[in-house]
Amino acid sequence: MVIEVLDPRRDPEPAYWKSLRAKAGLRADWSWEVLTTQAWAARTEQPVTVLLEDGEPRGVVSSAWVTGLTRRHRFARTAGRGRLGGLDVRAPGSGAMPGWWFDGADGDGGVGRLLDSFVPAMRAELGFGLRGLLVRQVGESGVDSVRGGLKMVRRTEDVAVLDVSPFSSRDDWMYSLARKRKQNLRKIFRTFEADPSLEVRVRRGAEADPVEIAELLRHNESKHHDVPIVPLPAFVGYVSALLRQPDVHVIEYRETATGRAIAVATLLDHPTLPIARHWAALPPELGGRPNLYFHFYGEAVRWAVEAGRPQVVFGKKMSEMKASLGAHLVPQYAAAVAML
């Protein structure tokens, strides 16, 4: 087994990267161009670790190296990584997905191989300054692999996943919901469909304006103060790189009179499990409209049905509301692993 630890800021895209993404089903946020842009605008180093056997990639892990030098308002250092720290294993984009993939079926979702292969490789790379590991988005099947010893496991936010395969249209989905939710959605859909002042459309990300989208995303990001490190703003460079990927779509809400975008969502396509990745809307005092958020879910369902996708991920947070929209909630866990 050969292990490569890559820094997207310095290392060119590996020759095997596109085939690895295709084999592993890694979405647009794993594009090397996107990884590079994100790494330059991150607080921490973002190593990408690839496990190769006979020249073929058999696994990949995305992580962040967090040390005493990490600061909320400081970019990752280009020289000197800090002696003592830990690795935060997380997906490079959507927080609803694991930050690793391994070839072949594992009953524990690859968590065992993560600990057996990735951890020793990173100890060799970082030395004994690597003192801990935080593994996010561990599924129930992987919990036993991270129990015991110097490990602490906690349940985190569930991920909402909607099965759209039973439906042939948005209305089919709406009619499957509880009476109160169905009535509410029917009123919302009719209101927007009868409103000539607002246009709703889905188009490829490459056709969208990254500056406009980044500005809208900042309205949404400013609301989140419930995490230890407040998310960095949506940098235009990162949004531009993400939108350029062929598997990204955008749902836009525009005023017909002015052409101004008042809300936007991004969809990261996937053959079986696309993700509703971003959502942002102007607040009412700046011209936003009520109930756009619920309408967006209807448009995401419509898109998934028409694209022939069996499911769509609605992410974390507001799980009860998403369950009322028919999503099933998939339990997730985080494991903190101490290393001596």
C-alpha atoms as a PDB file:
ATOM      1  CA  MET A   1       0.000   0.000   0.000  1.00  0.00           C
ATOM      2  CA  VAL A   2       1.334   3.426  -1.024  1.00  0.00           C
ATOM      3  CA  ILE A   3      -0.040   6.481   0.766  1.00  0.00           C
ATOM      4  CA  GLU A   4       0.121   9.997  -0.661  1.00  0.00           C
ATOM      5  CA  VAL A   5      -0.578  13.020   1.527  1.00  0.00           C
ATOM      6  CA  LEU A   6      -1.390  15.916  -0.787  1.00  0.00           C
ATOM      7  CA  ASP A   7      -1.751  19.637  -0.167  1.00  0.00           C
ATOM      8  CA  PRO A   8      -4.117  21.102  -2.797  1.00  0.00           C
ATOM      9  CA  ARG A   9      -2.367  24.470  -2.446  1.00  0.00           C
ATOM     10  CA  ARG A  10       0.901  23.078  -3.745  1.00  0.00           C
ATOM     11  CA  ASP A  11       0.304  19.700  -5.378  1.00  0.00           C
ATOM     12  CA  PRO A  12      -1.120  19.434  -8.902  1.00  0.00           C
ATOM     13  CA  GLU A  13      -4.178  17.322  -9.567  1.00  0.00           C
ATOM     14  CA  PRO A  14      -3.128  13.648  -9.518  1.00  0.00           C
ATOM     15  CA  ALA A  15      -3.506  11.747 -12.780  1.00  0.00           C
ATOM     16  CA  TYR A  16      -5.922   9.353 -11.089  1.00  0.00           C
ATOM     17  CA  TRP A  17      -8.125  12.012  -9.477  1.00  0.00           C
ATOM     18  CA  LYS A  18     -10.972  12.105 -12.003  1.00  0.00           C
ATOM     19  CA  SER A  19     -11.252   8.323 -12.095  1.00  0.00           C
ATOM     20  CA  LEU A  20     -11.144   8.249  -8.289  1.00  0.00           C
ATOM     21  CA  ARG A  21     -13.977  10.767  -8.066  1.00  0.00           C
ATOM     22  CA  ALA A  22     -16.048   8.776 -10.540  1.00  0.00           C
ATOM     23  CA  LYS A  23     -15.428   5.464  -8.773  1.00  0.00           C
ATOM     24  CA  ALA A  24     -16.091   6.862  -5.306  1.00  0.00           C
ATOM     25  CA  GLY A  25     -19.061   9.011  -6.373  1.00  0.00           C
ATOM     26  CA  LEU A  26     -17.456  12.151  -4.968  1.00  0.00           C
ATOM     27  CA  ARG A  27     -19.464  15.247  -5.809  1.00  0.00           C
ATOM     28  CA  ALA A  28     -18.401  18.600  -7.218  1.00  0.00           C
ATOM     29  CA  ASP A  29     -16.937  19.822  -3.928  1.00  0.00           C
ATOM     30  CA  TRP A  30     -14.230  17.134  -4.339  1.00  0.00           C
ATOM     31  CA  SER A  31     -13.107  18.550  -7.683  1.00  0.00           C
ATOM     32  CA  TRP A  32      -9.382  19.327  -7.455  1.00  0.00           C
ATOM     33  CA  GLU A  33      -9.998  22.876  -8.654  1.00  0.00           C
ATOM     34  CA  VAL A  34     -12.526  23.369  -5.861  1.00  0.00           C
ATOM     35  CA  LEU A  35     -10.254  21.755  -3.266  1.00  0.00           C
ATOM     36  CA  THR A  36      -7.394  24.044  -4.295  1.00  0.00           C
ATOM     37  CA  THR A  37      -9.489  27.196  -4.062  1.00  0.00           C
ATOM     38  CA  GLN A  38     -10.926  26.162  -0.717  1.00  0.00           C
ATOM     39  CA  ALA A  39      -7.500  25.280   0.707  1.00  0.00           C
ATOM     40  CA  TRP A  40      -6.127  28.752  -0.082  1.00  0.00           C
ATOM     41  CA  ALA A  41      -9.093  30.374   1.672  1.00  0.00           C
ATOM     42  CA  ALA A  42      -9.138  28.128   4.749  1.00  0.00           C
ATOM     43  CA  ARG A  43      -8.125  28.685   8.367  1.00  0.00           C
ATOM     44  CA  THR A  44      -6.228  25.406   8.447  1.00  0.00           C
ATOM     45  CA  GLU A  45      -4.181  23.156   6.206  1.00  0.00           C
ATOM     46  CA  GLN A  46      -6.465  20.806   4.269  1.00  0.00           C
ATOM     47  CA  PRO A  47      -4.513  17.601   3.547  1.00  0.00           C
ATOM     48  CA  VAL A  48      -5.999  15.062   1.148  1.00  0.00           C
ATOM     49  CA  THR A  49      -4.737  11.545   1.840  1.00  0.00           C
ATOM     50  CA  VAL A  50      -4.953   8.892  -0.870  1.00  0.00           C
ATOM     51  CA  LEU A  51      -4.304   5.175  -0.378  1.00  0.00           C
ATOM     52  CA  LEU A  52      -3.038   3.434  -3.509  1.00  0.00           C
ATOM     53  CA  GLU A  53      -2.554  -0.253  -4.275  1.00  0.00           C
ATOM     54  CA  ASP A  54      -0.737  -1.253  -7.475  1.00  0.00           C
ATOM     55  CA  GLY A  55      -1.136   2.342  -8.622  1.00  0.00           C
ATOM     56  CA  GLU A  56      -4.928   2.286  -8.166  1.00  0.00           C
ATOM     57  CA  PRO A  57      -6.628   4.484  -5.541  1.00  0.00           C
ATOM     58  CA  ARG A  58      -8.335   2.386  -2.867  1.00  0.00           C
ATOM     59  CA  GLY A  59      -9.254   5.118  -0.448  1.00  0.00           C
ATOM     60  CA  VAL A  60      -9.254   8.865   0.161  1.00  0.00           C
ATOM     61  CA  VAL A  61      -9.632  11.008   3.279  1.00  0.00           C
ATOM     62  CA  SER A  62     -10.217  14.754   3.571  1.00  0.00           C
ATOM     63  CA  SER A  63      -9.162  16.426   6.800  1.00  0.00           C
ATOM     64  CA  ALA A  64      -8.076  19.685   8.402  1.00  0.00           C
ATOM     65  CA  TRP A  65      -4.935  20.081  10.543  1.00  0.00           C
ATOM     66  CA  VAL A  66      -5.889  22.162  13.579  1.00  0.00           C
ATOM     67  CA  THR A  67      -3.141  23.490  15.877  1.00  0.00           C
ATOM     68  CA  GLY A  68      -2.462  26.208  18.398  1.00  0.00           C
ATOM     69  CA  LEU A  69      -1.740  28.478  15.424  1.00  0.00           C
ATOM     70  CA  THR A  70      -5.290  28.155  14.092  1.00  0.00           C
ATOM     71  CA  ARG A  71      -7.250  31.372  14.503  1.00  0.00           C
ATOM     72  CA  ARG A  72     -10.762  32.401  13.616  1.00  0.00           C
ATOM     73  CA  HIS A  73      -9.641  35.334  11.456  1.00  0.00           C
ATOM     74  CA  ARG A  74      -6.379  33.972  10.073  1.00  0.00           C
ATOM     75  CA  PHE A  75      -5.744  31.975   6.915  1.00  0.00           C
ATOM     76  CA  ALA A  76      -3.652  28.810   6.998  1.00  0.00           C
ATOM     77  CA  ARG A  77       0.065  29.509   7.164  1.00  0.00           C
ATOM     78  CA  THR A  78       2.081  28.813   4.037  1.00  0.00           C
ATOM     79  CA  ALA A  79       5.160  27.956   6.087  1.00  0.00           C
ATOM     80  CA  GLY A  80       5.257  26.144   9.407  1.00  0.00           C
ATOM     81  CA  ARG A  81       2.288  23.991  10.332  1.00  0.00           C
ATOM     82  CA  GLY A  82       2.578  23.986  14.119  1.00  0.00           C
ATOM     83  CA  ARG A  83       4.040  21.200  16.204  1.00  0.00           C
ATOM     84  CA  LEU A  84       1.048  19.964  18.183  1.00  0.00           C
ATOM     85  CA  GLY A  85      -2.447  19.518  16.860  1.00  0.00           C
ATOM     86  CA  GLY A  86      -5.217  17.244  15.730  1.00  0.00           C
ATOM     87  CA  LEU A  87      -6.937  16.204  12.524  1.00  0.00           C
ATOM     88  CA  ASP A  88     -10.572  17.046  11.878  1.00  0.00           C
ATOM     89  CA  VAL A  89     -11.791  14.442   9.393  1.00  0.00           C
ATOM     90  CA  ARG A  90     -14.586  16.091   7.451  1.00  0.00           C
ATOM     91  CA  ALA A  91     -15.904  16.338   3.933  1.00  0.00           C
ATOM     92  CA  PRO A  92     -14.457  19.285   1.993  1.00  0.00           C
ATOM     93  CA  GLY A  93     -17.858  20.758   1.217  1.00  0.00           C
ATOM     94  CA  SER A  94     -21.134  19.388   2.530  1.00  0.00           C
ATOM     95  CA  GLY A  95     -21.143  18.714   6.256  1.00  0.00           C
ATOM     96  CA  ALA A  96     -23.834  16.093   5.655  1.00  0.00           C
ATOM     97  CA  MET A  97     -21.410  13.563   4.149  1.00  0.00           C
ATOM     98  CA  PRO A  98     -18.413  11.612   5.501  1.00  0.00           C
ATOM     99  CA  GLY A  99     -14.936  12.898   4.695  1.00  0.00           C
ATOM    100  CA  TRP A 100     -13.637   9.514   3.527  1.00  0.00           C
ATOM    101  CA  TRP A 101     -14.178   6.736   1.000  1.00  0.00           C
ATOM    102  CA  PHE A 102     -12.694   3.242   0.780  1.00  0.00           C
ATOM    103  CA  ASP A 103     -13.018   0.733  -2.027  1.00  0.00           C
ATOM    104  CA  GLY A 104     -15.137  -2.327  -1.317  1.00  0.00           C
ATOM    105  CA  ALA A 105     -18.024  -3.006   1.018  1.00  0.00           C
ATOM    106  CA  ASP A 106     -17.407  -2.478   4.730  1.00  0.00           C
ATOM    107  CA  GLY A 107     -19.968  -3.280   7.348  1.00  0.00           C
ATOM    108  CA  ASP A 108     -18.847  -0.273   9.341  1.00  0.00           C
ATOM    109  CA  GLY A 109     -18.859   2.258   6.508  1.00  0.00           C
ATOM    110  CA  GLY A 110     -15.062   2.284   6.271  1.00  0.00           C
ATOM    111  CA  VAL A 111     -14.497   3.570   9.802  1.00  0.00           C
ATOM    112  CA  GLY A 112     -12.263   0.639  10.733  1.00  0.00           C
ATOM    113  CA  ARG A 113     -10.025   1.195   7.721  1.00  0.00           C
ATOM    114  CA  LEU A 114      -9.931   4.897   8.507  1.00  0.00           C
ATOM    115  CA  LEU A 115      -8.435   4.112  11.914  1.00  0.00           C
ATOM    116  CA  ASP A 116      -6.212   1.252  10.721  1.00  0.00           C
ATOM    117  CA  SER A 117      -4.781   2.880   7.573  1.00  0.00           C
ATOM    118  CA  PHE A 118      -5.263   6.631   7.687  1.00  0.00           C
ATOM    119  CA  VAL A 119      -4.210   7.239  11.288  1.00  0.00           C
ATOM    120  CA  PRO A 120      -0.803   5.485  11.035  1.00  0.00           C
ATOM    121  CA  ALA A 121      -0.137   7.251   7.720  1.00  0.00           C
ATOM    122  CA  MET A 122      -0.815  10.658   9.240  1.00  0.00           C
ATOM    123  CA  ARG A 123       1.252   9.845  12.329  1.00  0.00           C
ATOM    124  CA  ALA A 124       4.138   9.100   9.943  1.00  0.00           C
ATOM    125  CA  GLU A 125       3.476  12.375   8.104  1.00  0.00           C
ATOM    126  CA  LEU A 126       2.949  14.651  11.115  1.00  0.00           C
ATOM    127  CA  GLY A 127       4.972  12.864  13.775  1.00  0.00           C
ATOM    128  CA  PHE A 128       4.074  12.616  17.442  1.00  0.00           C
ATOM    129  CA  GLY A 129       2.698  16.131  17.320  1.00  0.00           C
ATOM    130  CA  LEU A 130      -0.510  14.497  16.079  1.00  0.00           C
ATOM    131  CA  ARG A 131      -2.356  14.168  19.374  1.00  0.00           C
ATOM    132  CA  GLY A 132      -5.944  13.589  18.365  1.00  0.00           C
ATOM    133  CA  LEU A 133      -8.521  12.885  15.711  1.00  0.00           C
ATOM    134  CA  LEU A 134     -12.096  14.108  15.312  1.00  0.00           C
ATOM    135  CA  VAL A 135     -14.162  11.989  12.927  1.00  0.00           C
ATOM    136  CA  ARG A 136     -17.469  13.469  11.834  1.00  0.00           C
ATOM    137  CA  GLN A 137     -20.503  11.902  10.145  1.00  0.00           C
ATOM    138  CA  VAL A 138     -20.002   8.388  11.439  1.00  0.00           C
ATOM    139  CA  GLY A 139     -23.077   6.293  10.695  1.00  0.00           C
ATOM    140  CA  GLU A 140     -24.663   3.868  13.134  1.00  0.00           C
ATOM    141  CA  SER A 141     -22.849   0.952  11.487  1.00  0.00           C
ATOM    142  CA  GLY A 142     -19.497   2.542  12.329  1.00  0.00           C
ATOM    143  CA  VAL A 143     -20.115   3.442  15.963  1.00  0.00           C
ATOM    144  CA  ASP A 144     -18.717   0.192  17.379  1.00  0.00           C
ATOM    145  CA  SER A 145     -15.465   0.747  15.473  1.00  0.00           C
ATOM    146  CA  VAL A 146     -14.851   3.998  17.325  1.00  0.00           C
ATOM    147  CA  ARG A 147     -15.823   2.866  20.819  1.00  0.00           C
ATOM    148  CA  GLY A 148     -13.442   1.913  23.581  1.00  0.00           C
ATOM    149  CA  GLY A 149      -9.949   2.964  24.505  1.00  0.00           C
ATOM    150  CA  LEU A 150      -9.155   6.656  24.338  1.00  0.00           C
ATOM    151  CA  LYS A 151     -12.257   7.484  22.305  1.00  0.00           C
ATOM    152  CA  MET A 152     -15.382   9.499  22.988  1.00  0.00           C
ATOM    153  CA  VAL A 153     -18.456   9.121  20.799  1.00  0.00           C
ATOM    154  CA  ARG A 154     -21.409  11.498  20.719  1.00  0.00           C
ATOM    155  CA  ARG A 155     -24.519  11.627  18.578  1.00  0.00           C
ATOM    156  CA  THR A 156     -24.700  14.776  16.461  1.00  0.00           C
ATOM    157  CA  GLU A 157     -27.340  16.209  14.136  1.00  0.00           C
ATOM    158  CA  ASP A 158     -29.242  13.767  11.953  1.00  0.00           C
ATOM    159  CA  VAL A 159     -29.048  14.090   8.183  1.00  0.00           C
ATOM    160  CA  ALA A 160     -32.361  14.452   6.332  1.00  0.00           C
ATOM    161  CA  VAL A 161     -32.723  12.307   3.194  1.00  0.00           C
ATOM    162  CA  LEU A 162     -35.866  12.324   1.059  1.00  0.00           C
ATOM    163  CA  ASP A 163     -36.771   9.271  -1.024  1.00  0.00           C
ATOM    164  CA  VAL A 164     -38.323  10.633  -4.220  1.00  0.00           C
ATOM    165  CA  SER A 165     -38.439   7.338  -6.126  1.00  0.00           C
ATOM    166  CA  PRO A 166     -42.161   6.747  -5.331  1.00  0.00           C
ATOM    167  CA  PHE A 167     -43.154  10.069  -6.926  1.00  0.00           C
ATOM    168  CA  SER A 168     -43.716  11.058 -10.532  1.00  0.00           C
ATOM    169  CA  SER A 169     -44.096  14.786  -9.835  1.00  0.00           C
ATOM    170  CA  ARG A 170     -43.792  17.454  -7.181  1.00  0.00           C
ATOM    171  CA  ASP A 171     -47.523  17.198  -6.520  1.00  0.00           C
ATOM    172  CA  ASP A 172     -47.234  13.441  -5.887  1.00  0.00           C
ATOM    173  CA  TRP A 173     -44.745  14.210  -3.160  1.00  0.00           C
ATOM    174  CA  MET A 174     -46.861  17.016  -1.720  1.00  0.00           C
ATOM    175  CA  TYR A 175     -49.976  14.814  -1.552  1.00  0.00           C
ATOM    176  CA  SER A 176     -48.043  12.169   0.379  1.00  0.00           C
ATOM    177  CA  LEU A 177     -47.513  14.527   3.317  1.00  0.00           C
ATOM    178  CA  ALA A 178     -49.630  15.085   6.412  1.00  0.00           C
ATOM    179  CA  ARG A 179     -52.747  17.162   5.881  1.00  0.00           C
ATOM    180  CA  LYS A 180     -51.553  20.362   7.559  1.00  0.00           C
ATOM    181  CA  ARG A 181     -48.193  20.381   5.766  1.00  0.00           C
ATOM    182  CA  LYS A 182     -49.855  19.530   2.438  1.00  0.00           C
ATOM    183  CA  GLN A 183     -52.328  22.393   2.760  1.00  0.00           C
ATOM    184  CA  ASN A 184     -49.547  24.794   3.658  1.00  0.00           C
ATOM    185  CA  LEU A 185     -47.412  23.782   0.674  1.00  0.00           C
ATOM    186  CA  ARG A 186     -50.332  23.870  -1.747  1.00  0.00           C
ATOM    187  CA  LYS A 187     -51.021  27.472  -0.725  1.00  0.00           C
ATOM    188  CA  ILE A 188     -47.330  28.421  -1.058  1.00  0.00           C
ATOM    189  CA  PHE A 189     -46.963  26.824  -4.499  1.00  0.00           C
ATOM    190  CA  ARG A 190     -50.133  28.447  -5.827  1.00  0.00           C
ATOM    191  CA  THR A 191     -49.137  31.860  -4.479  1.00  0.00           C
ATOM    192  CA  PHE A 192     -45.760  31.860  -6.224  1.00  0.00           C
ATOM    193  CA  GLU A 193     -47.075  30.348  -9.448  1.00  0.00           C
ATOM    194  CA  ALA A 194     -49.682  33.141  -9.666  1.00  0.00           C
ATOM    195  CA  ASP A 195     -47.137  35.893  -8.948  1.00  0.00           C
ATOM    196  CA  PRO A 196     -45.832  37.476 -12.187  1.00  0.00           C
ATOM    197  CA  SER A 197     -43.315  39.581 -10.262  1.00  0.00           C
ATOM    198  CA  LEU A 198     -41.119  36.570  -9.457  1.00  0.00           C
ATOM    199  CA  GLU A 199     -39.371  34.107 -11.769  1.00  0.00           C
ATOM    200  CA  VAL A 200     -38.122  30.708 -10.573  1.00  0.00           C
ATOM    201  CA  ARG A 201     -35.704  28.717 -12.698  1.00  0.00           C
ATOM    202  CA  VAL A 202     -33.197  25.907 -12.483  1.00  0.00           C
ATOM    203  CA  ARG A 203     -30.021  26.123 -14.561  1.00  0.00           C
ATOM    204  CA  ARG A 204     -26.468  24.884 -14.651  1.00  0.00           C
ATOM    205  CA  GLY A 205     -24.087  26.458 -12.198  1.00  0.00           C
ATOM    206  CA  ALA A 206     -21.758  27.635 -14.962  1.00  0.00           C
ATOM    207  CA  GLU A 207     -24.542  29.970 -16.189  1.00  0.00           C
ATOM    208  CA  ALA A 208     -24.970  31.649 -12.801  1.00  0.00           C
ATOM    209  CA  ASP A 209     -23.231  34.751 -11.436  1.00  0.00           C
ATOM    210  CA  PRO A 210     -20.807  33.731  -8.629  1.00  0.00           C
ATOM    211  CA  VAL A 211     -20.583  37.263  -7.222  1.00  0.00           C
ATOM    212  CA  GLU A 212     -24.348  37.498  -6.911  1.00  0.00           C
ATOM    213  CA  ILE A 213     -24.558  34.066  -5.276  1.00  0.00           C
ATOM    214  CA  ALA A 214     -21.699  34.773  -2.853  1.00  0.00           C
ATOM    215  CA  GLU A 215     -23.417  37.973  -1.727  1.00  0.00           C
ATOM    216  CA  LEU A 216     -26.662  36.099  -1.085  1.00  0.00           C
ATOM    217  CA  LEU A 217     -24.873  33.318   0.769  1.00  0.00           C
ATOM    218  CA  ARG A 218     -23.385  35.836   3.184  1.00  0.00           C
ATOM    219  CA  HIS A 219     -26.877  36.816   4.327  1.00  0.00           C
ATOM    220  CA  ASN A 220     -27.504  33.214   5.322  1.00  0.00           C
ATOM    221  CA  GLU A 221     -24.076  32.610   6.866  1.00  0.00           C
ATOM    222  CA  SER A 222     -24.430  35.653   9.114  1.00  0.00           C
ATOM    223  CA  LYS A 223     -27.204  33.802  10.999  1.00  0.00           C
ATOM    224  CA  HIS A 224     -25.020  30.943  12.193  1.00  0.00           C
ATOM    225  CA  HIS A 225     -23.512  31.630  15.585  1.00  0.00           C
ATOM    226  CA  ASP A 226     -24.122  28.159  17.059  1.00  0.00           C
ATOM    227  CA  VAL A 227     -20.753  26.641  16.153  1.00  0.00           C
ATOM    228  CA  PRO A 228     -17.401  27.026  17.961  1.00  0.00           C
ATOM    229  CA  ILE A 229     -15.776  28.687  14.954  1.00  0.00           C
ATOM    230  CA  VAL A 230     -18.167  30.813  12.904  1.00  0.00           C
ATOM    231  CA  PRO A 231     -18.030  29.751   9.236  1.00  0.00           C
ATOM    232  CA  LEU A 232     -15.905  31.865   6.961  1.00  0.00           C
ATOM    233  CA  PRO A 233     -17.863  33.902   4.409  1.00  0.00           C
ATOM    234  CA  ALA A 234     -18.496  32.492   0.964  1.00  0.00           C
ATOM    235  CA  PHE A 235     -15.487  33.657  -1.030  1.00  0.00           C
ATOM    236  CA  VAL A 236     -16.243  34.483  -4.656  1.00  0.00           C
ATOM    237  CA  GLY A 237     -13.272  32.414  -5.841  1.00  0.00           C
ATOM    238  CA  TYR A 238     -14.597  29.294  -4.154  1.00  0.00           C
ATOM    239  CA  VAL A 239     -18.155  29.856  -5.400  1.00  0.00           C
ATOM    240  CA  SER A 240     -16.820  30.423  -8.940  1.00  0.00           C
ATOM    241  CA  ALA A 241     -14.827  27.189  -8.899  1.00  0.00           C
ATOM    242  CA  LEU A 242     -17.768  25.212  -7.536  1.00  0.00           C
ATOM    243  CA  LEU A 243     -20.251  26.601 -10.066  1.00  0.00           C
ATOM    244  CA  ARG A 244     -17.919  25.717 -12.944  1.00  0.00           C
ATOM    245  CA  GLN A 245     -18.250  22.023 -12.216  1.00  0.00           C
ATOM    246  CA  PRO A 246     -20.590  20.241 -14.640  1.00  0.00           C
ATOM    247  CA  ASP A 247     -22.490  18.469 -11.848  1.00  0.00           C
ATOM    248  CA  VAL A 248     -23.694  21.662 -10.131  1.00  0.00           C
ATOM    249  CA  HIS A 249     -27.157  23.175 -10.660  1.00  0.00           C
ATOM    250  CA  VAL A 250     -28.689  26.347  -9.266  1.00  0.00           C
ATOM    251  CA  ILE A 251     -32.268  27.232  -8.321  1.00  0.00           C
ATOM    252  CA  GLU A 252     -32.775  30.984  -8.673  1.00  0.00           C
ATOM    253  CA  TYR A 253     -35.573  33.312  -7.561  1.00  0.00           C
ATOM    254  CA  ARG A 254     -35.532  36.622  -9.460  1.00  0.00           C
ATOM    255  CA  GLU A 255     -37.665  39.734  -9.548  1.00  0.00           C
ATOM    256  CA  THR A 256     -39.004  40.018 -13.082  1.00  0.00           C
ATOM    257  CA  ALA A 257     -39.032  43.819 -13.027  1.00  0.00           C
ATOM    258  CA  THR A 258     -35.431  44.316 -11.926  1.00  0.00           C
ATOM    259  CA  GLY A 259     -33.759  40.964 -12.623  1.00  0.00           C
ATOM    260  CA  ARG A 260     -32.439  40.995  -9.055  1.00  0.00           C
ATOM    261  CA  ALA A 261     -31.865  37.598  -7.428  1.00  0.00           C
ATOM    262  CA  ILE A 262     -33.557  37.426  -4.027  1.00  0.00           C
ATOM    263  CA  ALA A 263     -32.861  33.768  -3.221  1.00  0.00           C
ATOM    264  CA  VAL A 264     -30.676  30.962  -4.504  1.00  0.00           C
ATOM    265  CA  ALA A 265     -29.936  27.300  -3.858  1.00  0.00           C
ATOM    266  CA  THR A 266     -27.226  25.020  -5.210  1.00  0.00           C
ATOM    267  CA  LEU A 267     -27.640  21.324  -6.003  1.00  0.00           C
ATOM    268  CA  LEU A 268     -24.648  18.992  -6.222  1.00  0.00           C
ATOM    269  CA  ASP A 269     -25.697  16.240  -8.584  1.00  0.00           C
ATOM    270  CA  HIS A 270     -24.980  12.542  -8.054  1.00  0.00           C
ATOM    271  CA  PRO A 271     -26.414   9.430  -9.769  1.00  0.00           C
ATOM    272  CA  THR A 272     -28.167   8.225  -6.612  1.00  0.00           C
ATOM    273  CA  LEU A 273     -27.756  10.802  -3.838  1.00  0.00           C
ATOM    274  CA  PRO A 274     -27.594  14.480  -4.884  1.00  0.00           C
ATOM    275  CA  ILE A 275     -27.296  17.134  -2.193  1.00  0.00           C
ATOM    276  CA  ALA A 276     -29.196  20.371  -1.730  1.00  0.00           C
ATOM    277  CA  ARG A 277     -25.968  22.133  -0.735  1.00  0.00           C
ATOM    278  CA  HIS A 278     -26.568  25.879  -0.219  1.00  0.00           C
ATOM    279  CA  TRP A 279     -29.584  28.011   0.486  1.00  0.00           C
ATOM    280  CA  ALA A 280     -29.640  31.782   0.877  1.00  0.00           C
ATOM    281  CA  ALA A 281     -32.285  34.483   0.624  1.00  0.00           C
ATOM    282  CA  LEU A 282     -32.567  38.202   1.224  1.00  0.00           C
ATOM    283  CA  PRO A 283     -34.215  39.070   4.546  1.00  0.00           C
ATOM    284  CA  PRO A 284     -37.688  40.637   4.269  1.00  0.00           C
ATOM    285  CA  GLU A 285     -36.375  44.109   5.113  1.00  0.00           C
ATOM    286  CA  LEU A 286     -34.166  43.957   1.992  1.00  0.00           C
ATOM    287  CA  GLY A 287     -36.843  42.674  -0.347  1.00  0.00           C
ATOM    288  CA  GLY A 288     -37.005  38.979   0.486  1.00  0.00           C
ATOM    289  CA  ARG A 289     -40.255  37.024   0.326  1.00  0.00           C
ATOM    290  CA  PRO A 290     -41.823  34.822   3.002  1.00  0.00           C
ATOM    291  CA  ASN A 291     -42.072  31.053   2.410  1.00  0.00           C
ATOM    292  CA  LEU A 292     -39.380  30.885  -0.253  1.00  0.00           C
ATOM    293  CA  TYR A 293     -37.570  28.273   1.824  1.00  0.00           C
ATOM    294  CA  PHE A 294     -40.503  25.868   1.618  1.00  0.00           C
ATOM    295  CA  HIS A 295     -40.956  26.566  -2.072  1.00  0.00           C
ATOM    296  CA  PHE A 296     -37.304  25.699  -2.629  1.00  0.00           C
ATOM    297  CA  TYR A 297     -37.874  22.190  -1.266  1.00  0.00           C
ATOM    298  CA  GLY A 298     -40.656  21.723  -3.786  1.00  0.00           C
ATOM    299  CA  GLU A 299     -38.342  22.816  -6.597  1.00  0.00           C
ATOM    300  CA  ALA A 300     -35.592  20.485  -5.357  1.00  0.00           C
ATOM    301  CA  VAL A 301     -38.055  17.590  -5.383  1.00  0.00           C
ATOM    302  CA  ARG A 302     -39.262  18.545  -8.869  1.00  0.00           C
ATOM    303  CA  TRP A 303     -35.671  18.640 -10.132  1.00  0.00           C
ATOM    304  CA  ALA A 304     -34.790  15.275  -8.554  1.00  0.00           C
ATOM    305  CA  VAL A 305     -37.875  13.585 -10.008  1.00  0.00           C
ATOM    306  CA  GLU A 306     -37.282  14.989 -13.502  1.00  0.00           C
ATOM    307  CA  ALA A 307     -33.582  14.064 -13.345  1.00  0.00           C
ATOM    308  CA  GLY A 308     -34.439  10.499 -12.315  1.00  0.00           C
ATOM    309  CA  ARG A 309     -32.637  10.713  -8.973  1.00  0.00           C
ATOM    310  CA  PRO A 310     -34.016   8.281  -6.374  1.00  0.00           C
ATOM    311  CA  GLN A 311     -33.137  10.414  -3.343  1.00  0.00           C
ATOM    312  CA  VAL A 312     -32.009  13.882  -2.391  1.00  0.00           C
ATOM    313  CA  VAL A 313     -30.112  14.972   0.739  1.00  0.00           C
ATOM    314  CA  PHE A 314     -31.569  17.961   2.574  1.00  0.00           C
ATOM    315  CA  GLY A 315     -28.673  18.212   5.007  1.00  0.00           C
ATOM    316  CA  LYS A 316     -28.677  18.895   8.747  1.00  0.00           C
ATOM    317  CA  LYS A 317     -30.465  21.360  11.050  1.00  0.00           C
ATOM    318  CA  MET A 318     -34.234  21.878  11.400  1.00  0.00           C
ATOM    319  CA  SER A 319     -34.693  18.110  11.355  1.00  0.00           C
ATOM    320  CA  GLU A 320     -38.289  18.149  12.576  1.00  0.00           C
ATOM    321  CA  MET A 321     -39.340  20.485   9.788  1.00  0.00           C
ATOM    322  CA  LYS A 322     -37.556  18.337   7.187  1.00  0.00           C
ATOM    323  CA  ALA A 323     -39.198  15.211   8.594  1.00  0.00           C
ATOM    324  CA  SER A 324     -42.571  16.920   8.077  1.00  0.00           C
ATOM    325  CA  LEU A 325     -41.583  17.201   4.397  1.00  0.00           C
ATOM    326  CA  GLY A 326     -41.226  13.425   4.193  1.00  0.00           C
ATOM    327  CA  ALA A 327     -37.492  13.121   4.789  1.00  0.00           C
ATOM    328  CA  HIS A 328     -36.159  10.295   6.925  1.00  0.00           C
ATOM    329  CA  LEU A 329     -33.576  11.252   9.506  1.00  0.00           C
ATOM    330  CA  VAL A 330     -30.295   9.325   9.371  1.00  0.00           C
ATOM    331  CA  PRO A 331     -28.467   9.272  12.743  1.00  0.00           C
ATOM    332  CA  GLN A 332     -24.921  10.629  12.754  1.00  0.00           C
ATOM    333  CA  TYR A 333     -22.131  10.478  15.301  1.00  0.00           C
ATOM    334  CA  ALA A 334     -18.802  12.184  15.931  1.00  0.00           C
ATOM    335  CA  ALA A 335     -15.849  10.438  17.539  1.00  0.00           C
ATOM    336  CA  ALA A 336     -12.926  12.102  19.287  1.00  0.00           C
ATOM    337  CA  VAL A 337      -9.856   9.868  19.395  1.00  0.00           C
ATOM    338  CA  ALA A 338      -6.919  10.707  21.666  1.00  0.00           C
ATOM    339  CA  MET A 339      -3.453   9.680  20.475  1.00  0.00           C
ATOM    340  CA  LEU A 340      -0.554   9.245  22.844  1.00  0.00           C
END
